C-alpha atoms as a PDB file:
ATOM      1  CA  UNK A   1     122.325 119.417 126.129  1.00  0.00           C
ATOM      2  CA  UNK A   2     119.940 121.950 127.713  1.00  0.00           C
ATOM      3  CA  UNK A   3     121.878 121.777 130.973  1.00  0.00           C
ATOM      4  CA  UNK A   4     125.131 122.589 129.164  1.00  0.00           C
ATOM      5  CA  UNK A   5     123.542 125.535 127.341  1.00  0.00           C
ATOM      6  CA  UNK A   6     121.954 126.807 130.563  1.00  0.00           C
ATOM      7  CA  UNK A   7     125.260 126.498 132.443  1.00  0.00           C
ATOM      8  CA  UNK A   8     127.152 128.325 129.690  1.00  0.00           C
ATOM      9  CA  UNK A   9     124.532 131.081 129.614  1.00  0.00           C
ATOM     10  CA  UNK A  10     124.675 131.397 133.407  1.00  0.00           C
ATOM     11  CA  UNK A  11     128.471 131.747 133.331  1.00  0.00           C
ATOM     12  CA  UNK A  12     128.400 134.330 130.536  1.00  0.00           C
ATOM     13  CA  UNK A  13     125.598 136.369 132.143  1.00  0.00           C
ATOM     14  CA  UNK A  14     127.191 136.082 135.575  1.00  0.00           C
ATOM     15  CA  UNK A  15     130.437 137.448 134.182  1.00  0.00           C
ATOM     16  CA  UNK A  16     128.616 140.298 132.438  1.00  0.00           C
ATOM     17  CA  UNK A  17     126.514 141.224 135.462  1.00  0.00           C
ATOM     18  CA  UNK A  18     129.530 141.370 137.780  1.00  0.00           C
ATOM     19  CA  UNK A  19     131.722 143.122 135.225  1.00  0.00           C
ATOM     20  CA  UNK A  20     130.314 146.635 135.693  1.00  0.00           C
ATOM     21  CA  UNK A  21     132.503 148.843 137.845  1.00  0.00           C
ATOM     22  CA  UNK A  22     132.441 152.360 139.249  1.00  0.00           C
ATOM     23  CA  UNK A  23     135.845 153.824 140.129  1.00  0.00           C
ATOM     24  CA  UNK A  24     137.255 150.267 139.772  1.00  0.00           C
ATOM     25  CA  UNK A  25     134.756 148.912 142.357  1.00  0.00           C
ATOM     26  CA  UNK A  26     132.503 146.131 141.002  1.00  0.00           C
ATOM     27  CA  UNK A  27     128.864 147.211 141.163  1.00  0.00           C
ATOM     28  CA  UNK A  28     127.967 144.161 143.254  1.00  0.00           C
ATOM     29  CA  UNK A  29     130.659 145.082 145.813  1.00  0.00           C
ATOM     30  CA  UNK A  30     129.738 148.721 146.454  1.00  0.00           C
ATOM     31  CA  UNK A  31     129.814 148.965 150.240  1.00  0.00           C
ATOM     32  CA  UNK A  32     127.180 151.669 150.681  1.00  0.00           C
ATOM     33  CA  UNK A  33     123.514 151.533 151.629  1.00  0.00           C
ATOM     34  CA  UNK A  34     122.672 154.634 149.571  1.00  0.00           C
ATOM     35  CA  UNK A  35     123.817 155.677 146.125  1.00  0.00           C
ATOM     36  CA  UNK A  36     122.945 158.517 143.800  1.00  0.00           C
ATOM     37  CA  UNK A  37     122.782 158.243 140.045  1.00  0.00           C
ATOM     38  CA  UNK A  38     123.314 161.535 138.242  1.00  0.00           C
ATOM     39  CA  UNK A  39     122.334 161.879 134.603  1.00  0.00           C
ATOM     40  CA  UNK A  40     123.062 164.482 131.973  1.00  0.00           C
ATOM     41  CA  UNK A  41     122.044 164.467 128.333  1.00  0.00           C
ATOM     42  CA  UNK A  42     124.824 163.569 125.913  1.00  0.00           C
ATOM     43  CA  UNK A  43     125.719 166.245 123.390  1.00  0.00           C
ATOM     44  CA  UNK A  44     124.088 165.661 119.999  1.00  0.00           C
ATOM     45  CA  UNK A  45     122.385 162.476 121.237  1.00  0.00           C
ATOM     46  CA  UNK A  46     119.158 161.318 122.839  1.00  0.00           C
ATOM     47  CA  UNK A  47     121.162 159.162 125.284  1.00  0.00           C
ATOM     48  CA  UNK A  48     122.364 160.168 128.756  1.00  0.00           C
ATOM     49  CA  UNK A  49     125.653 160.066 130.644  1.00  0.00           C
ATOM     50  CA  UNK A  50     125.155 158.502 134.069  1.00  0.00           C
ATOM     51  CA  UNK A  51     127.497 158.879 137.028  1.00  0.00           C
ATOM     52  CA  UNK A  52     127.199 156.764 140.178  1.00  0.00           C
ATOM     53  CA  UNK A  53     128.062 158.368 143.492  1.00  0.00           C
ATOM     54  CA  UNK A  54     128.333 156.300 146.662  1.00  0.00           C
ATOM     55  CA  UNK A  55     130.731 158.367 148.758  1.00  0.00           C
ATOM     56  CA  UNK A  56     133.798 157.058 146.976  1.00  0.00           C
ATOM     57  CA  UNK A  57     137.054 158.948 146.808  1.00  0.00           C
ATOM     58  CA  UNK A  58     137.940 159.338 143.136  1.00  0.00           C
ATOM     59  CA  UNK A  59     141.292 157.875 142.204  1.00  0.00           C
ATOM     60  CA  UNK A  60     141.938 160.472 139.526  1.00  0.00           C
ATOM     61  CA  UNK A  61     141.019 164.099 139.149  1.00  0.00           C
ATOM     62  CA  UNK A  62     138.279 163.369 136.654  1.00  0.00           C
ATOM     63  CA  UNK A  63     134.495 163.101 136.634  1.00  0.00           C
ATOM     64  CA  UNK A  64     134.920 159.954 134.519  1.00  0.00           C
ATOM     65  CA  UNK A  65     135.781 157.991 137.676  1.00  0.00           C
ATOM     66  CA  UNK A  66     132.118 158.010 138.647  1.00  0.00           C
ATOM     67  CA  UNK A  67     130.947 156.618 135.298  1.00  0.00           C
ATOM     68  CA  UNK A  68     129.954 152.975 135.250  1.00  0.00           C
ATOM     69  CA  UNK A  69     132.220 150.875 133.043  1.00  0.00           C
ATOM     70  CA  UNK A  70     131.786 147.514 131.345  1.00  0.00           C
ATOM     71  CA  UNK A  71     134.188 144.570 131.528  1.00  0.00           C
ATOM     72  CA  UNK A  72     136.441 146.190 128.916  1.00  0.00           C
ATOM     73  CA  UNK A  73     136.674 149.516 130.760  1.00  0.00           C
ATOM     74  CA  UNK A  74     134.339 151.381 128.394  1.00  0.00           C
ATOM     75  CA  UNK A  75     131.691 153.749 129.770  1.00  0.00           C
ATOM     76  CA  UNK A  76     128.202 152.251 129.841  1.00  0.00           C
ATOM     77  CA  UNK A  77     125.614 154.271 127.949  1.00  0.00           C
ATOM     78  CA  UNK A  78     121.939 154.485 128.835  1.00  0.00           C
ATOM     79  CA  UNK A  79     118.992 155.414 126.623  1.00  0.00           C
ATOM     80  CA  UNK A  80     117.369 157.466 129.379  1.00  0.00           C
ATOM     81  CA  UNK A  81     117.330 157.959 133.136  1.00  0.00           C
ATOM     82  CA  UNK A  82     114.569 155.344 133.339  1.00  0.00           C
ATOM     83  CA  UNK A  83     116.905 152.917 131.549  1.00  0.00           C
ATOM     84  CA  UNK A  84     119.561 153.647 134.207  1.00  0.00           C
ATOM     85  CA  UNK A  85     116.977 153.337 136.998  1.00  0.00           C
ATOM     86  CA  UNK A  86     115.823 149.946 135.698  1.00  0.00           C
ATOM     87  CA  UNK A  87     119.434 148.818 135.347  1.00  0.00           C
ATOM     88  CA  UNK A  88     120.215 149.719 138.961  1.00  0.00           C
ATOM     89  CA  UNK A  89     116.965 148.100 140.149  1.00  0.00           C
ATOM     90  CA  UNK A  90     117.974 144.858 138.434  1.00  0.00           C
ATOM     91  CA  UNK A  91     121.299 145.082 140.298  1.00  0.00           C
ATOM     92  CA  UNK A  92     119.803 145.264 143.777  1.00  0.00           C
ATOM     93  CA  UNK A  93     118.836 148.919 144.308  1.00  0.00           C
ATOM     94  CA  UNK A  94     115.451 150.523 144.893  1.00  0.00           C
ATOM     95  CA  UNK A  95     114.315 154.029 144.003  1.00  0.00           C
ATOM     96  CA  UNK A  96     113.841 156.511 146.861  1.00  0.00           C
ATOM     97  CA  UNK A  97     113.636 160.027 145.436  1.00  0.00           C
ATOM     98  CA  UNK A  98     114.554 162.163 142.438  1.00  0.00           C
ATOM     99  CA  UNK A  99     115.095 165.792 141.579  1.00  0.00           C
ATOM    100  CA  UNK A 100     116.460 167.809 138.671  1.00  0.00           C
ATOM    101  CA  UNK A 101     118.669 170.879 138.621  1.00  0.00           C
ATOM    102  CA  UNK A 102     118.924 173.078 135.555  1.00  0.00           C
ATOM    103  CA  UNK A 103     122.468 174.188 134.743  1.00  0.00           C
ATOM    104  CA  UNK A 104     122.550 176.509 131.740  1.00  0.00           C
ATOM    105  CA  UNK A 105     120.271 174.868 129.179  1.00  0.00           C
ATOM    106  CA  UNK A 106     120.792 171.354 130.552  1.00  0.00           C
ATOM    107  CA  UNK A 107     118.855 169.430 133.165  1.00  0.00           C
ATOM    108  CA  UNK A 108     120.916 167.333 135.574  1.00  0.00           C
ATOM    109  CA  UNK A 109     118.845 164.489 137.024  1.00  0.00           C
ATOM    110  CA  UNK A 110     119.579 163.005 140.460  1.00  0.00           C
ATOM    111  CA  UNK A 111     118.045 159.708 141.581  1.00  0.00           C
ATOM    112  CA  UNK A 112     118.612 158.575 145.170  1.00  0.00           C
ATOM    113  CA  UNK A 113     118.599 154.801 145.597  1.00  0.00           C
ATOM    114  CA  UNK A 114     119.085 152.297 148.398  1.00  0.00           C
ATOM    115  CA  UNK A 115     120.237 148.685 148.418  1.00  0.00           C
ATOM    116  CA  UNK A 116     117.206 146.434 148.480  1.00  0.00           C
ATOM    117  CA  UNK A 117     116.631 144.557 151.694  1.00  0.00           C
ATOM    118  CA  UNK A 118     115.436 141.009 151.386  1.00  0.00           C
END
């Protein structure tokens, strides 16, 4: 019974983990050594919008192409930039550097990351 539950959980989690995409590219299949996550505070919320840049050519004329999406095509939301950093770390990336730029009254956070080497 435990084996069946463990197998089912593995399948469900495996599907969820591989379901995130950026510009229709699965997160696990991004073919870039370096990526940048860019975060801006959501309006009227404590959460942040996070865009992932890896040198991709956007398929549409829209900043939404760089947002990470779940298996249903909805934008993923993060509680903070640290939440996004931990998420990317759990998906095979390591932190390299960070900086913030103030645009108007809003800080835009940039985190440079690299694929972890084993």
